[in-house]
Full PDB file with SEQRES, HELIX, SHEET, SSBOND, CRYST1, ORIGX, SCALE, CONECT and MASTER records, all heavy atoms in Angstrom:
SEQRES   1 A   35  GLY PRO VAL ALA VAL VAL SER LEU LEU THR ALA SER ALA          
SEQRES   2 A   35  VAL GLY GLN VAL ALA GLU ALA GLY THR ALA GLY TYR ALA          
SEQRES   3 A   35  VAL ALA ALA LEU THR LEU ALA PHE LEU                          
HELIX    1 AA1 ALA A    4  VAL A   14  1                                  11    
HELIX    2 AA2 ALA A   23  PHE A   34  1                                  12    
CRYST1    1.000    1.000    1.000  90.00  90.00  90.00 P 1           1          
ORIGX1      1.000000  0.000000  0.000000        0.00000                         
ORIGX2      0.000000  1.000000  0.000000        0.00000                         
ORIGX3      0.000000  0.000000  1.000000        0.00000                         
SCALE1      1.000000  0.000000  0.000000        0.00000                         
SCALE2      0.000000  1.000000  0.000000        0.00000                         
SCALE3      0.000000  0.000000  1.000000        0.00000                         
ATOM      1  N   GLY A   1       1.581 -10.953  -7.498  1.00  0.00           N  
ATOM      2  CA  GLY A   1       1.627 -11.302  -6.084  1.00  0.00           C  
ATOM      3  C   GLY A   1       2.203 -10.160  -5.271  1.00  0.00           C  
ATOM      4  O   GLY A   1       2.340  -9.033  -5.764  1.00  0.00           O  
ATOM      5  N   PRO A   2       2.547 -10.411  -4.001  1.00  0.00           N  
ATOM      6  CA  PRO A   2       3.158  -9.358  -3.174  1.00  0.00           C  
ATOM      7  C   PRO A   2       4.530  -8.971  -3.736  1.00  0.00           C  
ATOM      8  O   PRO A   2       5.281  -9.831  -4.200  1.00  0.00           O  
ATOM      9  CB  PRO A   2       3.314 -10.029  -1.803  1.00  0.00           C  
ATOM     10  CG  PRO A   2       2.404 -11.208  -1.832  1.00  0.00           C  
ATOM     11  CD  PRO A   2       2.354 -11.658  -3.250  1.00  0.00           C  
ATOM     12  N   VAL A   3       4.830  -7.687  -3.730  1.00  0.00           N  
ATOM     13  CA  VAL A   3       6.156  -7.203  -4.142  1.00  0.00           C  
ATOM     14  C   VAL A   3       6.680  -6.260  -3.073  1.00  0.00           C  
ATOM     15  O   VAL A   3       5.931  -5.759  -2.235  1.00  0.00           O  
ATOM     16  CB  VAL A   3       6.123  -6.491  -5.516  1.00  0.00           C  
ATOM     17  CG1 VAL A   3       5.645  -7.425  -6.604  1.00  0.00           C  
ATOM     18  CG2 VAL A   3       5.259  -5.238  -5.464  1.00  0.00           C  
ATOM     19  N   ALA A   4       7.982  -5.997  -3.114  1.00  0.00           N  
ATOM     20  CA  ALA A   4       8.638  -5.246  -2.038  1.00  0.00           C  
ATOM     21  C   ALA A   4       8.080  -3.837  -1.885  1.00  0.00           C  
ATOM     22  O   ALA A   4       7.722  -3.414  -0.788  1.00  0.00           O  
ATOM     23  CB  ALA A   4      10.146  -5.206  -2.305  1.00  0.00           C  
ATOM     24  N   VAL A   5       8.020  -3.087  -2.982  1.00  0.00           N  
ATOM     25  CA  VAL A   5       7.620  -1.679  -2.889  1.00  0.00           C  
ATOM     26  C   VAL A   5       6.181  -1.559  -2.415  1.00  0.00           C  
ATOM     27  O   VAL A   5       5.865  -0.731  -1.550  1.00  0.00           O  
ATOM     28  CB  VAL A   5       7.816  -0.973  -4.243  1.00  0.00           C  
ATOM     29  CG1 VAL A   5       7.243   0.435  -4.209  1.00  0.00           C  
ATOM     30  CG2 VAL A   5       9.299  -0.914  -4.608  1.00  0.00           C  
ATOM     31  N   VAL A   6       5.281  -2.371  -2.964  1.00  0.00           N  
ATOM     32  CA  VAL A   6       3.873  -2.317  -2.548  1.00  0.00           C  
ATOM     33  C   VAL A   6       3.726  -2.767  -1.096  1.00  0.00           C  
ATOM     34  O   VAL A   6       2.890  -2.226  -0.348  1.00  0.00           O  
ATOM     35  CB  VAL A   6       3.001  -3.171  -3.492  1.00  0.00           C  
ATOM     36  CG1 VAL A   6       1.592  -3.314  -2.944  1.00  0.00           C  
ATOM     37  CG2 VAL A   6       2.960  -2.539  -4.877  1.00  0.00           C  
ATOM     38  N   SER A   7       4.533  -3.735  -0.664  1.00  0.00           N  
ATOM     39  CA  SER A   7       4.488  -4.164   0.737  1.00  0.00           C  
ATOM     40  C   SER A   7       4.905  -3.027   1.661  1.00  0.00           C  
ATOM     41  O   SER A   7       4.309  -2.822   2.726  1.00  0.00           O  
ATOM     42  CB  SER A   7       5.402  -5.377   0.942  1.00  0.00           C  
ATOM     43  OG  SER A   7       4.957  -6.489   0.184  1.00  0.00           O  
ATOM     44  N   LEU A   8       5.936  -2.276   1.252  1.00  0.00           N  
ATOM     45  CA  LEU A   8       6.375  -1.131   2.051  1.00  0.00           C  
ATOM     46  C   LEU A   8       5.286  -0.059   2.107  1.00  0.00           C  
ATOM     47  O   LEU A   8       5.010   0.510   3.171  1.00  0.00           O  
ATOM     48  CB  LEU A   8       7.656  -0.554   1.457  1.00  0.00           C  
ATOM     49  CG  LEU A   8       8.224   0.692   2.147  1.00  0.00           C  
ATOM     50  CD1 LEU A   8       8.665   0.363   3.563  1.00  0.00           C  
ATOM     51  CD2 LEU A   8       9.384   1.283   1.353  1.00  0.00           C  
ATOM     52  N   LEU A   9       4.679   0.219   0.951  1.00  0.00           N  
ATOM     53  CA  LEU A   9       3.593   1.200   0.907  1.00  0.00           C  
ATOM     54  C   LEU A   9       2.410   0.756   1.770  1.00  0.00           C  
ATOM     55  O   LEU A   9       1.760   1.577   2.430  1.00  0.00           O  
ATOM     56  CB  LEU A   9       3.140   1.410  -0.538  1.00  0.00           C  
ATOM     57  CG  LEU A   9       4.089   2.212  -1.435  1.00  0.00           C  
ATOM     58  CD1 LEU A   9       3.698   2.060  -2.906  1.00  0.00           C  
ATOM     59  CD2 LEU A   9       4.087   3.677  -1.041  1.00  0.00           C  
ATOM     60  N   THR A  10       2.136  -0.545   1.767  1.00  0.00           N  
ATOM     61  CA  THR A  10       1.056  -1.079   2.605  1.00  0.00           C  
ATOM     62  C   THR A  10       1.343  -0.860   4.084  1.00  0.00           C  
ATOM     63  O   THR A  10       0.483  -0.396   4.841  1.00  0.00           O  
ATOM     64  CB  THR A  10       0.859  -2.583   2.329  1.00  0.00           C  
ATOM     65  OG1 THR A  10       0.484  -2.769   0.960  1.00  0.00           O  
ATOM     66  CG2 THR A  10      -0.208  -3.177   3.236  1.00  0.00           C  
ATOM     67  N   ALA A  11       2.571  -1.170   4.493  1.00  0.00           N  
ATOM     68  CA  ALA A  11       2.946  -0.986   5.897  1.00  0.00           C  
ATOM     69  C   ALA A  11       2.843   0.486   6.295  1.00  0.00           C  
ATOM     70  O   ALA A  11       2.365   0.817   7.385  1.00  0.00           O  
ATOM     71  CB  ALA A  11       4.367  -1.499   6.123  1.00  0.00           C  
ATOM     72  N   SER A  12       3.278   1.369   5.398  1.00  0.00           N  
ATOM     73  CA  SER A  12       3.237   2.802   5.694  1.00  0.00           C  
ATOM     74  C   SER A  12       1.798   3.304   5.826  1.00  0.00           C  
ATOM     75  O   SER A  12       1.472   4.056   6.749  1.00  0.00           O  
ATOM     76  CB  SER A  12       3.968   3.575   4.589  1.00  0.00           C  
ATOM     77  OG  SER A  12       3.855   4.969   4.782  1.00  0.00           O  
ATOM     78  N   ALA A  13       0.923   2.877   4.904  1.00  0.00           N  
ATOM     79  CA  ALA A  13      -0.461   3.357   4.899  1.00  0.00           C  
ATOM     80  C   ALA A  13      -1.266   2.768   6.054  1.00  0.00           C  
ATOM     81  O   ALA A  13      -1.953   3.482   6.795  1.00  0.00           O  
ATOM     82  CB  ALA A  13      -1.125   3.015   3.565  1.00  0.00           C  
ATOM     83  N   VAL A  14      -1.181   1.448   6.214  1.00  0.00           N  
ATOM     84  CA  VAL A  14      -1.987   0.770   7.234  1.00  0.00           C  
ATOM     85  C   VAL A  14      -1.489   1.116   8.638  1.00  0.00           C  
ATOM     86  O   VAL A  14      -2.274   1.202   9.587  1.00  0.00           O  
ATOM     87  CB  VAL A  14      -1.982  -0.752   6.995  1.00  0.00           C  
ATOM     88  CG1 VAL A  14      -2.737  -1.478   8.094  1.00  0.00           C  
ATOM     89  CG2 VAL A  14      -2.590  -1.071   5.641  1.00  0.00           C  
ATOM     90  N   GLY A  15      -0.166   1.338   8.752  1.00  0.00           N  
ATOM     91  CA  GLY A  15       0.397   1.679  10.056  1.00  0.00           C  
ATOM     92  C   GLY A  15      -0.116   2.990  10.623  1.00  0.00           C  
ATOM     93  O   GLY A  15       0.003   3.240  11.832  1.00  0.00           O  
ATOM     94  N   GLN A  16      -0.710   3.821   9.776  1.00  0.00           N  
ATOM     95  CA  GLN A  16      -1.243   5.103  10.234  1.00  0.00           C  
ATOM     96  C   GLN A  16      -2.667   4.985  10.791  1.00  0.00           C  
ATOM     97  O   GLN A  16      -3.157   5.921  11.427  1.00  0.00           O  
ATOM     98  CB  GLN A  16      -1.222   6.108   9.083  1.00  0.00           C  
ATOM     99  CG  GLN A  16       0.178   6.457   8.614  1.00  0.00           C  
ATOM    100  CD  GLN A  16       0.175   7.439   7.462  1.00  0.00           C  
ATOM    101  OE1 GLN A  16      -0.813   8.119   7.208  1.00  0.00           O  
ATOM    102  NE2 GLN A  16       1.289   7.515   6.740  1.00  0.00           N  
ATOM    103  N   VAL A  17      -3.325   3.848  10.533  1.00  0.00           N  
ATOM    104  CA  VAL A  17      -4.708   3.700  11.002  1.00  0.00           C  
ATOM    105  C   VAL A  17      -4.885   2.559  12.001  1.00  0.00           C  
ATOM    106  O   VAL A  17      -5.936   2.454  12.636  1.00  0.00           O  
ATOM    107  CB  VAL A  17      -5.673   3.481   9.805  1.00  0.00           C  
ATOM    108  CG1 VAL A  17      -5.648   4.676   8.872  1.00  0.00           C  
ATOM    109  CG2 VAL A  17      -5.335   2.208   9.039  1.00  0.00           C  
ATOM    110  N   ALA A  18      -3.884   1.708  12.142  1.00  0.00           N  
ATOM    111  CA  ALA A  18      -4.002   0.580  13.078  1.00  0.00           C  
ATOM    112  C   ALA A  18      -2.608   0.144  13.515  1.00  0.00           C  
ATOM    113  O   ALA A  18      -1.607   0.431  12.846  1.00  0.00           O  
ATOM    114  CB  ALA A  18      -4.745  -0.594  12.426  1.00  0.00           C  
ATOM    115  N   GLU A  19      -2.569  -0.564  14.628  1.00  0.00           N  
ATOM    116  CA  GLU A  19      -1.292  -1.039  15.158  1.00  0.00           C  
ATOM    117  C   GLU A  19      -0.996  -2.423  14.606  1.00  0.00           C  
ATOM    118  O   GLU A  19      -1.877  -3.285  14.544  1.00  0.00           O  
ATOM    119  CB  GLU A  19      -1.353  -1.080  16.689  1.00  0.00           C  
ATOM    120  CG  GLU A  19      -0.025  -1.446  17.333  1.00  0.00           C  
ATOM    121  CD  GLU A  19      -0.100  -1.438  18.852  1.00  0.00           C  
ATOM    122  OE1 GLU A  19      -1.108  -0.904  19.381  1.00  0.00           O  
ATOM    123  OE2 GLU A  19       0.807  -1.971  19.498  1.00  0.00           O  
ATOM    124  N   ALA A  20       0.272  -2.630  14.179  1.00  0.00           N  
ATOM    125  CA  ALA A  20       0.675  -3.921  13.610  1.00  0.00           C  
ATOM    126  C   ALA A  20       0.411  -5.042  14.608  1.00  0.00           C  
ATOM    127  O   ALA A  20       0.630  -4.895  15.814  1.00  0.00           O  
ATOM    128  CB  ALA A  20       2.152  -3.889  13.231  1.00  0.00           C  
ATOM    129  N   GLY A  21      -0.066  -6.167  14.076  1.00  0.00           N  
ATOM    130  CA  GLY A  21      -0.350  -7.319  14.916  1.00  0.00           C  
ATOM    131  C   GLY A  21      -1.766  -7.390  15.429  1.00  0.00           C  
ATOM    132  O   GLY A  21      -2.160  -8.389  16.034  1.00  0.00           O  
ATOM    133  N   THR A  22      -2.551  -6.349  15.179  1.00  0.00           N  
ATOM    134  CA  THR A  22      -3.940  -6.348  15.636  1.00  0.00           C  
ATOM    135  C   THR A  22      -4.868  -6.763  14.496  1.00  0.00           C  
ATOM    136  O   THR A  22      -4.498  -6.734  13.328  1.00  0.00           O  
ATOM    137  CB  THR A  22      -4.353  -4.956  16.134  1.00  0.00           C  
ATOM    138  OG1 THR A  22      -4.304  -4.030  15.034  1.00  0.00           O  
ATOM    139  CG2 THR A  22      -3.411  -4.472  17.227  1.00  0.00           C  
ATOM    140  N   ALA A  23      -6.103  -7.124  14.869  1.00  0.00           N  
ATOM    141  CA  ALA A  23      -7.100  -7.496  13.856  1.00  0.00           C  
ATOM    142  C   ALA A  23      -7.432  -6.299  12.972  1.00  0.00           C  
ATOM    143  O   ALA A  23      -7.671  -6.442  11.768  1.00  0.00           O  
ATOM    144  CB  ALA A  23      -8.361  -8.015  14.540  1.00  0.00           C  
ATOM    145  N   GLY A  24      -7.427  -5.110  13.570  1.00  0.00           N  
ATOM    146  CA  GLY A  24      -7.712  -3.907  12.793  1.00  0.00           C  
ATOM    147  C   GLY A  24      -6.684  -3.661  11.711  1.00  0.00           C  
ATOM    148  O   GLY A  24      -7.019  -3.138  10.637  1.00  0.00           O  
ATOM    149  N   TYR A  25      -5.450  -4.045  11.984  1.00  0.00           N  
ATOM    150  CA  TYR A  25      -4.375  -3.876  10.989  1.00  0.00           C  
ATOM    151  C   TYR A  25      -4.638  -4.764   9.777  1.00  0.00           C  
ATOM    152  O   TYR A  25      -4.526  -4.320   8.629  1.00  0.00           O  
ATOM    153  CB  TYR A  25      -3.035  -4.232  11.629  1.00  0.00           C  
ATOM    154  CG  TYR A  25      -1.819  -3.857  10.802  1.00  0.00           C  
ATOM    155  CD1 TYR A  25      -1.161  -2.650  11.020  1.00  0.00           C  
ATOM    156  CD2 TYR A  25      -1.326  -4.718   9.825  1.00  0.00           C  
ATOM    157  CE1 TYR A  25      -0.039  -2.300  10.285  1.00  0.00           C  
ATOM    158  CE2 TYR A  25      -0.209  -4.378   9.079  1.00  0.00           C  
ATOM    159  CZ  TYR A  25       0.428  -3.171   9.317  1.00  0.00           C  
ATOM    160  OH  TYR A  25       1.546  -2.840   8.572  1.00  0.00           O  
ATOM    161  N   ALA A  26      -4.999  -6.029  10.021  1.00  0.00           N  
ATOM    162  CA  ALA A  26      -5.283  -6.959   8.927  1.00  0.00           C  
ATOM    163  C   ALA A  26      -6.496  -6.503   8.116  1.00  0.00           C  
ATOM    164  O   ALA A  26      -6.497  -6.581   6.878  1.00  0.00           O  
ATOM    165  CB  ALA A  26      -5.514  -8.368   9.484  1.00  0.00           C  
ATOM    166  N   VAL A  27      -7.535  -6.005   8.815  1.00  0.00           N  
ATOM    167  CA  VAL A  27      -8.730  -5.519   8.114  1.00  0.00           C  
ATOM    168  C   VAL A  27      -8.391  -4.305   7.259  1.00  0.00           C  
ATOM    169  O   VAL A  27      -8.873  -4.161   6.130  1.00  0.00           O  
ATOM    170  CB  VAL A  27      -9.847  -5.183   9.128  1.00  0.00           C  
ATOM    171  CG1 VAL A  27     -11.004  -4.465   8.445  1.00  0.00           C  
ATOM    172  CG2 VAL A  27     -10.352  -6.457   9.801  1.00  0.00           C  
ATOM    173  N   ALA A  28      -7.540  -3.427   7.772  1.00  0.00           N  
ATOM    174  CA  ALA A  28      -7.139  -2.249   7.009  1.00  0.00           C  
ATOM    175  C   ALA A  28      -6.366  -2.648   5.759  1.00  0.00           C  
ATOM    176  O   ALA A  28      -6.524  -2.034   4.696  1.00  0.00           O  
ATOM    177  CB  ALA A  28      -6.305  -1.320   7.888  1.00  0.00           C  
ATOM    178  N   ALA A  29      -5.542  -3.692   5.867  1.00  0.00           N  
ATOM    179  CA  ALA A  29      -4.808  -4.178   4.696  1.00  0.00           C  
ATOM    180  C   ALA A  29      -5.767  -4.730   3.645  1.00  0.00           C  
ATOM    181  O   ALA A  29      -5.579  -4.522   2.437  1.00  0.00           O  
ATOM    182  CB  ALA A  29      -3.797  -5.249   5.116  1.00  0.00           C  
ATOM    183  N   LEU A  30      -6.800  -5.442   4.102  1.00  0.00           N  
ATOM    184  CA  LEU A  30      -7.819  -5.951   3.182  1.00  0.00           C  
ATOM    185  C   LEU A  30      -8.545  -4.784   2.492  1.00  0.00           C  
ATOM    186  O   LEU A  30      -8.807  -4.822   1.285  1.00  0.00           O  
ATOM    187  CB  LEU A  30      -8.841  -6.805   3.938  1.00  0.00           C  
ATOM    188  CG  LEU A  30      -8.343  -8.099   4.587  1.00  0.00           C  
ATOM    189  CD1 LEU A  30      -9.464  -8.729   5.400  1.00  0.00           C  
ATOM    190  CD2 LEU A  30      -7.845  -9.082   3.537  1.00  0.00           C  
ATOM    191  N   THR A  31      -8.849  -3.761   3.267  1.00  0.00           N  
ATOM    192  CA  THR A  31      -9.541  -2.593   2.715  1.00  0.00           C  
ATOM    193  C   THR A  31      -8.677  -1.886   1.684  1.00  0.00           C  
ATOM    194  O   THR A  31      -9.173  -1.417   0.646  1.00  0.00           O  
ATOM    195  CB  THR A  31      -9.923  -1.617   3.845  1.00  0.00           C  
ATOM    196  OG1 THR A  31     -10.683  -2.318   4.822  1.00  0.00           O  
ATOM    197  CG2 THR A  31     -10.717  -0.440   3.311  1.00  0.00           C  
ATOM    198  N   LEU A  32      -7.382  -1.805   1.960  1.00  0.00           N  
ATOM    199  CA  LEU A  32      -6.451  -1.178   1.012  1.00  0.00           C  
ATOM    200  C   LEU A  32      -6.436  -1.942  -0.310  1.00  0.00           C  
ATOM    201  O   LEU A  32      -6.455  -1.340  -1.391  1.00  0.00           O  
ATOM    202  CB  LEU A  32      -5.054  -1.143   1.629  1.00  0.00           C  
ATOM    203  CG  LEU A  32      -4.017  -0.228   0.964  1.00  0.00           C  
ATOM    204  CD1 LEU A  32      -4.460   1.223   1.049  1.00  0.00           C  
ATOM    205  CD2 LEU A  32      -2.661  -0.404   1.649  1.00  0.00           C  
ATOM    206  N   ALA A  33      -6.425  -3.279  -0.223  1.00  0.00           N  
ATOM    207  CA  ALA A  33      -6.468  -4.098  -1.440  1.00  0.00           C  
ATOM    208  C   ALA A  33      -7.795  -3.904  -2.172  1.00  0.00           C  
ATOM    209  O   ALA A  33      -7.832  -3.830  -3.410  1.00  0.00           O  
ATOM    210  CB  ALA A  33      -6.268  -5.574  -1.085  1.00  0.00           C  
ATOM    211  N   PHE A  34      -8.887  -3.813  -1.418  1.00  0.00           N  
ATOM    212  CA  PHE A  34     -10.208  -3.619  -2.020  1.00  0.00           C  
ATOM    213  C   PHE A  34     -10.285  -2.284  -2.766  1.00  0.00           C  
ATOM    214  O   PHE A  34     -10.728  -2.231  -3.926  1.00  0.00           O  
ATOM    215  CB  PHE A  34     -11.276  -3.683  -0.921  1.00  0.00           C  
ATOM    216  CG  PHE A  34     -12.669  -3.397  -1.394  1.00  0.00           C  
ATOM    217  CD1 PHE A  34     -13.391  -4.347  -2.097  1.00  0.00           C  
ATOM    218  CD2 PHE A  34     -13.260  -2.164  -1.151  1.00  0.00           C  
ATOM    219  CE1 PHE A  34     -14.684  -4.080  -2.541  1.00  0.00           C  
ATOM    220  CE2 PHE A  34     -14.539  -1.887  -1.586  1.00  0.00           C  
ATOM    221  CZ  PHE A  34     -15.248  -2.849  -2.293  1.00  0.00           C  
ATOM    222  N   LEU A  35      -9.844  -1.216  -2.120  1.00  0.00           N  
ATOM    223  CA  LEU A  35      -9.878   0.106  -2.750  1.00  0.00           C  
ATOM    224  C   LEU A  35      -8.969   0.158  -3.976  1.00  0.00           C  
ATOM    225  O   LEU A  35      -9.323   0.739  -5.012  1.00  0.00           O  
ATOM    226  CB  LEU A  35      -9.464   1.182  -1.739  1.00  0.00           C  
ATOM    227  CG  LEU A  35     -10.415   1.406  -0.559  1.00  0.00           C  
ATOM    228  CD1 LEU A  35      -9.815   2.392   0.435  1.00  0.00           C  
ATOM    229  CD2 LEU A  35     -11.771   1.902  -1.051  1.00  0.00           C  
TER     230      LEU A  35                                                      
MASTER        0    0    0    2    0    0    0    6  229    1    0    3          
END                                                                             
């Protein structure tokens, strides 16, 4: 499931391509999981 370190890495990576709270941010998180 979700863990602290991976959650931090997710925030760091996704935060560079989209703004938190936007639909693009959620889609980027899905893409990160897919890749």
